[in-house]
Amino acid sequence: MKGSKKNVKYPYKTILKIKKEYPDSWVLLLNAVRNPKKRLSFLGGEFVYADKDREKVVDKCASLKHIHSAAFVYTGKIVKPKNTIICL
């Protein structure tokens, strides 16, 4: 199929490399590899898109076709205010 994006291959990048290239940004990964030693953490994945605006990253994910799994990762530090519970 001419112009089909079904077979698009995205480069695999490690989280360490992504954090260096895109500090304080939201990142979209496909087929992310989970870190077995740390819950809700990833080692890397197929890098698709990064932006400081989370909504742009979500929109990019919504525009993709034929994805099996996707992960959103924030590369900055998440500061939890006092007396606050974060539910995922």
C-alpha atoms as a PDB file:
ATOM      1  CA  MET A   1       0.000   0.000   0.000  1.00  0.00           C
ATOM      2  CA  LYS A   2       1.478   3.273  -1.049  1.00  0.00           C
ATOM      3  CA  GLY A   3       1.622   5.837   1.760  1.00  0.00           C
ATOM      4  CA  SER A   4       0.564   3.335   4.421  1.00  0.00           C
ATOM      5  CA  LYS A   5       1.899   3.965   7.919  1.00  0.00           C
ATOM      6  CA  LYS A   6       1.102   0.453   9.148  1.00  0.00           C
ATOM      7  CA  ASN A   7       4.703  -0.745   8.843  1.00  0.00           C
ATOM      8  CA  VAL A   8       6.419   2.372  10.196  1.00  0.00           C
ATOM      9  CA  LYS A   9       9.380   1.446  12.373  1.00  0.00           C
ATOM     10  CA  TYR A  10      10.339   3.740  15.207  1.00  0.00           C
ATOM     11  CA  PRO A  11      13.854   3.723  16.670  1.00  0.00           C
ATOM     12  CA  TYR A  12      14.405   1.969  20.004  1.00  0.00           C
ATOM     13  CA  LYS A  13      15.785   4.341  22.620  1.00  0.00           C
ATOM     14  CA  THR A  14      16.662   3.811  26.242  1.00  0.00           C
ATOM     15  CA  ILE A  15      15.046   5.949  28.929  1.00  0.00           C
ATOM     16  CA  LEU A  16      18.473   7.355  29.853  1.00  0.00           C
ATOM     17  CA  LYS A  17      19.026   8.589  26.297  1.00  0.00           C
ATOM     18  CA  ILE A  18      15.491   9.988  26.071  1.00  0.00           C
ATOM     19  CA  LYS A  19      15.902  11.882  29.364  1.00  0.00           C
ATOM     20  CA  LYS A  20      19.108  13.492  28.052  1.00  0.00           C
ATOM     21  CA  GLU A  21      17.565  14.464  24.712  1.00  0.00           C
ATOM     22  CA  TYR A  22      14.148  15.550  26.026  1.00  0.00           C
ATOM     23  CA  PRO A  23      14.409  16.865  29.599  1.00  0.00           C
ATOM     24  CA  ASP A  24      11.168  17.770  31.388  1.00  0.00           C
ATOM     25  CA  SER A  25       9.045  16.415  28.533  1.00  0.00           C
ATOM     26  CA  TRP A  26       6.276  13.914  27.941  1.00  0.00           C
ATOM     27  CA  VAL A  27       7.336  11.014  25.734  1.00  0.00           C
ATOM     28  CA  LEU A  28       5.312   8.486  23.746  1.00  0.00           C
ATOM     29  CA  LEU A  29       6.833   5.008  23.482  1.00  0.00           C
ATOM     30  CA  LEU A  30       5.487   1.995  21.660  1.00  0.00           C
ATOM     31  CA  ASN A  31       6.206  -1.554  22.833  1.00  0.00           C
ATOM     32  CA  ALA A  32       7.898  -0.177  25.938  1.00  0.00           C
ATOM     33  CA  VAL A  33      10.135  -2.509  27.926  1.00  0.00           C
ATOM     34  CA  ARG A  34       9.243  -2.465  31.618  1.00  0.00           C
ATOM     35  CA  ASN A  35      11.850  -2.333  34.341  1.00  0.00           C
ATOM     36  CA  PRO A  36      11.397  -5.544  36.373  1.00  0.00           C
ATOM     37  CA  LYS A  37      13.092  -3.969  39.407  1.00  0.00           C
ATOM     38  CA  LYS A  38      10.895  -0.875  39.632  1.00  0.00           C
ATOM     39  CA  ARG A  39       7.132  -0.653  39.307  1.00  0.00           C
ATOM     40  CA  LEU A  40       5.687   1.780  36.766  1.00  0.00           C
ATOM     41  CA  SER A  41       9.126   2.290  35.247  1.00  0.00           C
ATOM     42  CA  PHE A  42      10.466   1.585  31.770  1.00  0.00           C
ATOM     43  CA  LEU A  43      13.900   0.755  30.382  1.00  0.00           C
ATOM     44  CA  GLY A  44      13.116   2.001  26.875  1.00  0.00           C
ATOM     45  CA  GLY A  45      10.938   1.508  23.865  1.00  0.00           C
ATOM     46  CA  GLU A  46      10.218   2.547  20.315  1.00  0.00           C
ATOM     47  CA  PHE A  47      10.456   6.337  20.464  1.00  0.00           C
ATOM     48  CA  VAL A  48       7.619   8.064  18.636  1.00  0.00           C
ATOM     49  CA  TYR A  49       7.248  11.624  19.912  1.00  0.00           C
ATOM     50  CA  ALA A  50       8.168  14.029  22.714  1.00  0.00           C
ATOM     51  CA  ASP A  51       6.829  17.425  23.765  1.00  0.00           C
ATOM     52  CA  LYS A  52       6.619  19.540  26.890  1.00  0.00           C
ATOM     53  CA  ASP A  53       2.836  19.707  26.361  1.00  0.00           C
ATOM     54  CA  ARG A  54       1.244  16.419  27.439  1.00  0.00           C
ATOM     55  CA  GLU A  55      -1.871  16.998  25.335  1.00  0.00           C
ATOM     56  CA  LYS A  56       0.203  17.092  22.139  1.00  0.00           C
ATOM     57  CA  VAL A  57       1.706  13.711  23.028  1.00  0.00           C
ATOM     58  CA  VAL A  58      -1.735  12.259  23.748  1.00  0.00           C
ATOM     59  CA  ASP A  59      -3.017  13.623  20.418  1.00  0.00           C
ATOM     60  CA  LYS A  60      -0.069  12.041  18.605  1.00  0.00           C
ATOM     61  CA  CYS A  61      -0.890   8.665  20.178  1.00  0.00           C
ATOM     62  CA  ALA A  62      -4.552   9.024  19.199  1.00  0.00           C
ATOM     63  CA  SER A  63      -3.538   9.685  15.592  1.00  0.00           C
ATOM     64  CA  LEU A  64      -1.556   6.448  15.286  1.00  0.00           C
ATOM     65  CA  LYS A  65      -3.081   3.357  13.725  1.00  0.00           C
ATOM     66  CA  HIS A  66      -2.372  -0.288  14.442  1.00  0.00           C
ATOM     67  CA  ILE A  67      -0.572   0.119  17.760  1.00  0.00           C
ATOM     68  CA  HIS A  68      -0.354  -2.796  20.149  1.00  0.00           C
ATOM     69  CA  SER A  69       0.848  -1.016  23.279  1.00  0.00           C
ATOM     70  CA  ALA A  70       1.833   2.533  24.178  1.00  0.00           C
ATOM     71  CA  ALA A  71       3.393   4.178  27.220  1.00  0.00           C
ATOM     72  CA  PHE A  72       3.556   7.803  28.290  1.00  0.00           C
ATOM     73  CA  VAL A  73       6.662   8.760  30.246  1.00  0.00           C
ATOM     74  CA  TYR A  74       7.515  12.085  31.889  1.00  0.00           C
ATOM     75  CA  THR A  75      11.248  12.749  31.876  1.00  0.00           C
ATOM     76  CA  GLY A  76      11.231  15.446  34.549  1.00  0.00           C
ATOM     77  CA  LYS A  77      10.919  15.240  38.285  1.00  0.00           C
ATOM     78  CA  ILE A  78       7.414  14.885  39.635  1.00  0.00           C
ATOM     79  CA  VAL A  79       7.053  16.838  42.837  1.00  0.00           C
ATOM     80  CA  LYS A  80       4.345  15.615  45.166  1.00  0.00           C
ATOM     81  CA  PRO A  81       2.856  18.409  47.274  1.00  0.00           C
ATOM     82  CA  LYS A  82       2.604  17.715  51.012  1.00  0.00           C
ATOM     83  CA  ASN A  83      -0.528  15.948  52.225  1.00  0.00           C
ATOM     84  CA  THR A  84      -1.332  14.716  48.715  1.00  0.00           C
ATOM     85  CA  ILE A  85      -2.002  11.202  47.469  1.00  0.00           C
ATOM     86  CA  ILE A  86      -1.273  10.395  43.841  1.00  0.00           C
ATOM     87  CA  CYS A  87      -3.508   7.713  42.314  1.00  0.00           C
ATOM     88  CA  LEU A  88      -2.593   6.095  39.026  1.00  0.00           C
END
